């Protein structure tokens, strides 16, 4: 019974981390990225699952590091808070620019061009990498929940893999639920090719714009320190 309570506690801490301001903005950007393929409900599900797995893998790895000794926890926490968000803003802006086709990919062979496009703006692999990136970009609130709430729980239970993985699942749960809901709703809504094209155009515009806006927010907040 105690083990079940610990797992649910880790899940709840992850959910709390997902709805604090900074991770909420990250999850909003992730959902915007996932919804660009909203006309293909299978791709939405794949991207949502890949994003979730990326976050789970990252927090599981952090749990493994913690299992090697708790003396460096404060160093890891400070490094992730300081440097993670500094990289996140520019990356989001760059991806958003490619999504909106504001910057053309240099002329390449058709296959190479498709691979480059998928690397920048599409596919489960990109969603997985985004999950890792967003998980590493810890803000003070999510860092406090992970290192101050989850880590003591994991140390006490001697569960350095399961509980951090469960925390990762909780931190991605809102995006997973939204992706599933979108997938079900869109597949039932689309009835014509014209409708499909309109939705694709809308999704692309919303995705690119959202990522640029959120990316600029992170740049102003963590790189330029204009927003506090």
Protein backbone atom coordinates (compact mmCIF):
# COMPACT_ATOMS: atom_id res chain seq x y z
CA UNK A 1 0.00 0.00 0.00
CA UNK A 2 2.83 2.39 0.87
CA UNK A 3 4.41 1.80 -2.56
CA UNK A 4 1.16 2.75 -4.32
CA UNK A 5 0.93 5.95 -2.28
CA UNK A 6 4.52 6.82 -3.20
CA UNK A 7 3.85 6.29 -6.91
CA UNK A 8 0.71 8.47 -6.80
CA UNK A 9 2.64 11.10 -4.83
CA UNK A 10 5.35 11.18 -7.52
CA UNK A 11 2.67 11.43 -10.23
CA UNK A 12 0.96 14.30 -8.41
CA UNK A 13 4.24 16.17 -7.96
CA UNK A 14 4.81 15.83 -11.71
CA UNK A 15 1.34 17.19 -12.46
CA UNK A 16 1.93 20.13 -10.11
CA UNK A 17 5.21 20.82 -11.90
CA UNK A 18 3.42 20.82 -15.27
CA UNK A 19 0.97 23.55 -14.29
CA UNK A 20 3.42 25.99 -12.70
CA UNK A 21 4.04 29.05 -14.94
CA UNK A 22 7.33 28.13 -16.64
CA UNK A 23 6.59 24.42 -17.35
CA UNK A 24 3.06 25.41 -18.40
CA UNK A 25 4.56 27.66 -21.08
CA UNK A 26 6.84 24.79 -22.16
CA UNK A 27 3.93 22.36 -22.34
CA UNK A 28 1.92 24.91 -24.32
CA UNK A 29 4.79 25.14 -26.82
CA UNK A 30 5.01 21.35 -26.94
CA UNK A 31 1.29 21.01 -27.62
CA UNK A 32 1.54 23.67 -30.33
CA UNK A 33 4.34 21.62 -31.89
CA UNK A 34 2.29 18.42 -31.69
CA UNK A 35 -0.92 19.93 -33.06
CA UNK A 36 0.72 20.99 -36.34
CA UNK A 37 -0.02 17.44 -37.55
CA UNK A 38 -3.54 17.62 -36.16
CA UNK A 39 -5.09 16.41 -39.42
CA UNK A 40 -3.36 13.05 -38.93
CA UNK A 41 -4.60 11.67 -35.63
CA UNK A 42 -2.02 8.88 -35.64
CA UNK A 43 0.85 11.37 -35.95
CA UNK A 44 -0.62 13.40 -33.10
CA UNK A 45 -0.73 10.31 -30.88
CA UNK A 46 2.82 9.33 -31.85
CA UNK A 47 4.14 12.82 -31.18
CA UNK A 48 2.31 13.05 -27.84
CA UNK A 49 3.66 9.66 -26.75
CA UNK A 50 7.19 10.53 -27.92
CA UNK A 51 7.13 13.82 -26.01
CA UNK A 52 5.99 11.98 -22.89
CA UNK A 53 8.70 9.34 -23.29
CA UNK A 54 11.30 12.10 -23.68
CA UNK A 55 10.33 13.62 -20.34
CA UNK A 56 10.16 10.21 -18.65
CA UNK A 57 13.61 9.26 -19.96
CA UNK A 58 15.12 12.54 -18.74
CA UNK A 59 13.75 12.37 -15.21
CA UNK A 60 14.64 8.67 -15.01
CA UNK A 61 18.22 9.56 -15.95
CA UNK A 62 18.26 12.30 -13.31
CA UNK A 63 16.99 9.71 -10.82
CA UNK A 64 19.88 7.44 -11.79
CA UNK A 65 22.36 10.27 -11.21
CA UNK A 66 20.81 10.89 -7.82
CA UNK A 67 21.18 7.19 -6.94
CA UNK A 68 24.94 7.61 -7.39
CA UNK A 69 25.03 10.06 -4.52
CA UNK A 70 22.97 12.99 -3.26
CA UNK A 71 25.92 15.32 -2.62
CA UNK A 72 25.67 16.91 -6.08
CA UNK A 73 21.90 17.49 -6.11
CA UNK A 74 22.17 21.25 -5.52
CA UNK A 75 24.81 21.59 -8.26
CA UNK A 76 22.63 19.70 -10.79
CA UNK A 77 19.57 21.73 -9.80
CA UNK A 78 21.30 25.10 -10.18
CA UNK A 79 22.91 24.12 -13.49
CA UNK A 80 19.60 23.02 -15.02
CA UNK A 81 17.80 26.15 -13.82
CA UNK A 82 20.55 28.48 -15.07
CA UNK A 83 21.45 26.95 -18.42
CA UNK A 84 18.41 24.91 -19.48
CA UNK A 85 16.08 27.84 -20.02
CA UNK A 86 18.80 29.92 -21.69
CA UNK A 87 18.95 27.44 -24.57
CA UNK A 88 15.21 26.82 -24.70
CA UNK A 89 14.15 30.28 -25.89
CA UNK A 90 16.39 30.54 -28.99
CA UNK A 91 15.60 26.94 -29.98
CA UNK A 92 11.84 27.60 -29.84
CA UNK A 93 12.22 30.76 -31.94
CA UNK A 94 14.29 28.92 -34.57
CA UNK A 95 11.84 26.00 -34.79
CA UNK A 96 8.91 28.45 -35.02
CA UNK A 97 10.62 30.27 -37.90
CA UNK A 98 10.98 27.00 -39.81
CA UNK A 99 7.38 26.01 -39.08
CA UNK A 100 6.14 29.29 -40.59
CA UNK A 101 8.53 28.89 -43.57
CA UNK A 102 10.06 32.27 -42.79
CA UNK A 103 13.47 30.77 -43.44
CA UNK A 104 13.94 28.42 -46.36
CA UNK A 105 16.03 25.28 -46.03
CA UNK A 106 18.97 25.52 -48.52
CA UNK A 107 18.52 23.60 -51.80
CA UNK A 108 19.12 19.91 -51.22
CA UNK A 109 18.17 16.65 -52.77
CA UNK A 110 14.49 15.86 -52.18
CA UNK A 111 15.24 13.11 -49.64
CA UNK A 112 17.76 15.27 -47.75
CA UNK A 113 15.33 18.21 -47.72
CA UNK A 114 12.57 16.04 -46.28
CA UNK A 115 14.89 14.73 -43.59
CA UNK A 116 15.99 18.26 -42.70
CA UNK A 117 12.39 19.44 -42.51
CA UNK A 118 11.40 16.53 -40.28
CA UNK A 119 14.40 17.20 -38.05
CA UNK A 120 13.39 20.82 -37.51
CA UNK A 121 9.62 20.72 -37.42
CA UNK A 122 8.16 17.25 -37.40
CA UNK A 123 8.00 13.62 -36.44
CA UNK A 124 8.06 11.60 -33.22
CA UNK A 125 11.86 11.94 -32.98
CA UNK A 126 11.58 15.72 -32.81
CA UNK A 127 8.85 15.44 -30.17
CA UNK A 128 11.05 13.05 -28.14
CA UNK A 129 13.97 15.51 -28.27
CA UNK A 130 11.61 18.32 -27.29
CA UNK A 131 10.48 16.29 -24.28
CA UNK A 132 14.11 15.93 -23.18
CA UNK A 133 14.86 19.60 -23.76
CA UNK A 134 11.81 20.86 -21.87
CA UNK A 135 12.42 18.46 -18.98
CA UNK A 136 15.98 19.79 -18.58
CA UNK A 137 14.77 23.41 -18.61
CA UNK A 138 13.78 23.53 -14.96
CA UNK A 139 12.44 26.71 -13.39
CA UNK A 140 12.59 27.34 -9.61
CA UNK A 141 9.11 25.89 -8.99
CA UNK A 142 9.60 22.66 -10.96
CA UNK A 143 13.13 22.31 -9.55
CA UNK A 144 11.75 22.64 -6.02
CA UNK A 145 9.08 20.01 -6.73
CA UNK A 146 11.60 17.58 -8.24
CA UNK A 147 14.65 18.09 -6.02
CA UNK A 148 12.76 19.16 -2.90
CA UNK A 149 9.73 16.87 -3.17
CA UNK A 150 10.45 13.94 -5.46
CA UNK A 151 14.10 13.32 -4.54
CA UNK A 152 13.50 12.92 -0.78
CA UNK A 153 10.58 10.63 -1.61
CA UNK A 154 12.76 8.55 -3.95
CA UNK A 155 15.61 8.38 -1.42
CA UNK A 156 13.29 7.30 1.35
CA UNK A 157 11.67 4.64 -0.85
CA UNK A 158 15.03 3.71 -2.48
CA UNK A 159 13.26 4.00 -5.84
CA UNK A 160 15.58 6.02 -8.06
CA UNK A 161 14.07 4.96 -11.39
CA UNK A 162 10.35 4.26 -10.96
CA UNK A 163 9.44 7.37 -8.98
CA UNK A 164 11.41 9.81 -11.18
CA UNK A 165 9.87 8.15 -14.26
CA UNK A 166 6.42 8.56 -12.72
CA UNK A 167 7.20 12.22 -12.04
CA UNK A 168 8.12 12.58 -15.71
CA UNK A 169 4.83 11.00 -16.73
CA UNK A 170 2.91 13.43 -14.53
CA UNK A 171 4.81 16.41 -15.93
CA UNK A 172 3.76 15.42 -19.48
CA UNK A 173 0.22 14.30 -18.62
CA UNK A 174 -1.57 17.53 -19.64
CA UNK A 175 0.08 17.44 -23.10
CA UNK A 176 -0.73 13.72 -23.49
CA UNK A 177 -4.38 14.28 -22.60
CA UNK A 178 -4.67 17.28 -24.95
CA UNK A 179 -3.01 15.33 -27.77
CA UNK A 180 -5.40 12.40 -27.30
CA UNK A 181 -8.43 14.70 -27.16
CA UNK A 182 -7.28 16.55 -30.28
CA UNK A 183 -6.70 13.30 -32.12
CA UNK A 184 -10.18 12.00 -31.34
CA UNK A 185 -11.88 15.33 -32.05
CA UNK A 186 -10.12 16.06 -35.36
CA UNK A 187 -10.62 12.56 -36.76
CA UNK A 188 -14.36 12.94 -36.15
CA UNK A 189 -14.52 16.52 -37.47
CA UNK A 190 -12.71 16.29 -40.82
CA UNK A 191 -15.13 15.43 -43.61
CA UNK A 192 -13.57 16.89 -46.77
CA UNK A 193 -10.21 17.63 -48.38
CA UNK A 194 -10.95 21.35 -48.40
CA UNK A 195 -11.64 21.22 -44.69
CA UNK A 196 -8.38 19.32 -44.24
CA UNK A 197 -6.37 22.03 -46.03
CA UNK A 198 -7.93 24.81 -43.95
CA UNK A 199 -7.10 23.01 -40.71
CA UNK A 200 -3.53 22.32 -41.85
CA UNK A 201 -2.97 26.01 -42.67
CA UNK A 202 -4.50 27.10 -39.37
CA UNK A 203 -2.49 24.59 -37.33
CA UNK A 204 0.78 25.58 -39.00
CA UNK A 205 0.19 29.29 -38.36
CA UNK A 206 -0.82 28.79 -34.74
CA UNK A 207 2.09 26.42 -34.08
CA UNK A 208 4.81 28.66 -35.51
CA UNK A 209 3.43 31.81 -33.91
CA UNK A 210 3.01 30.18 -30.49
CA UNK A 211 6.55 28.78 -30.52
CA UNK A 212 8.08 32.13 -31.50
CA UNK A 213 6.09 34.03 -28.84
CA UNK A 214 6.94 31.52 -26.09
CA UNK A 215 10.55 31.37 -27.28
CA UNK A 216 10.83 35.17 -27.07
CA UNK A 217 9.33 35.02 -23.58
CA UNK A 218 12.06 32.62 -22.47
CA UNK A 219 14.73 34.78 -24.15
CA UNK A 220 13.52 37.92 -22.37
CA UNK A 221 13.11 36.11 -19.05
CA UNK A 222 16.26 33.99 -18.91
CA UNK A 223 18.75 35.36 -21.45
CA UNK A 224 18.14 39.10 -21.29
CA UNK A 225 16.49 39.00 -17.84
CA UNK A 226 14.07 41.75 -18.83
CA UNK A 227 11.04 39.83 -17.50
CA UNK A 228 11.13 38.62 -13.92
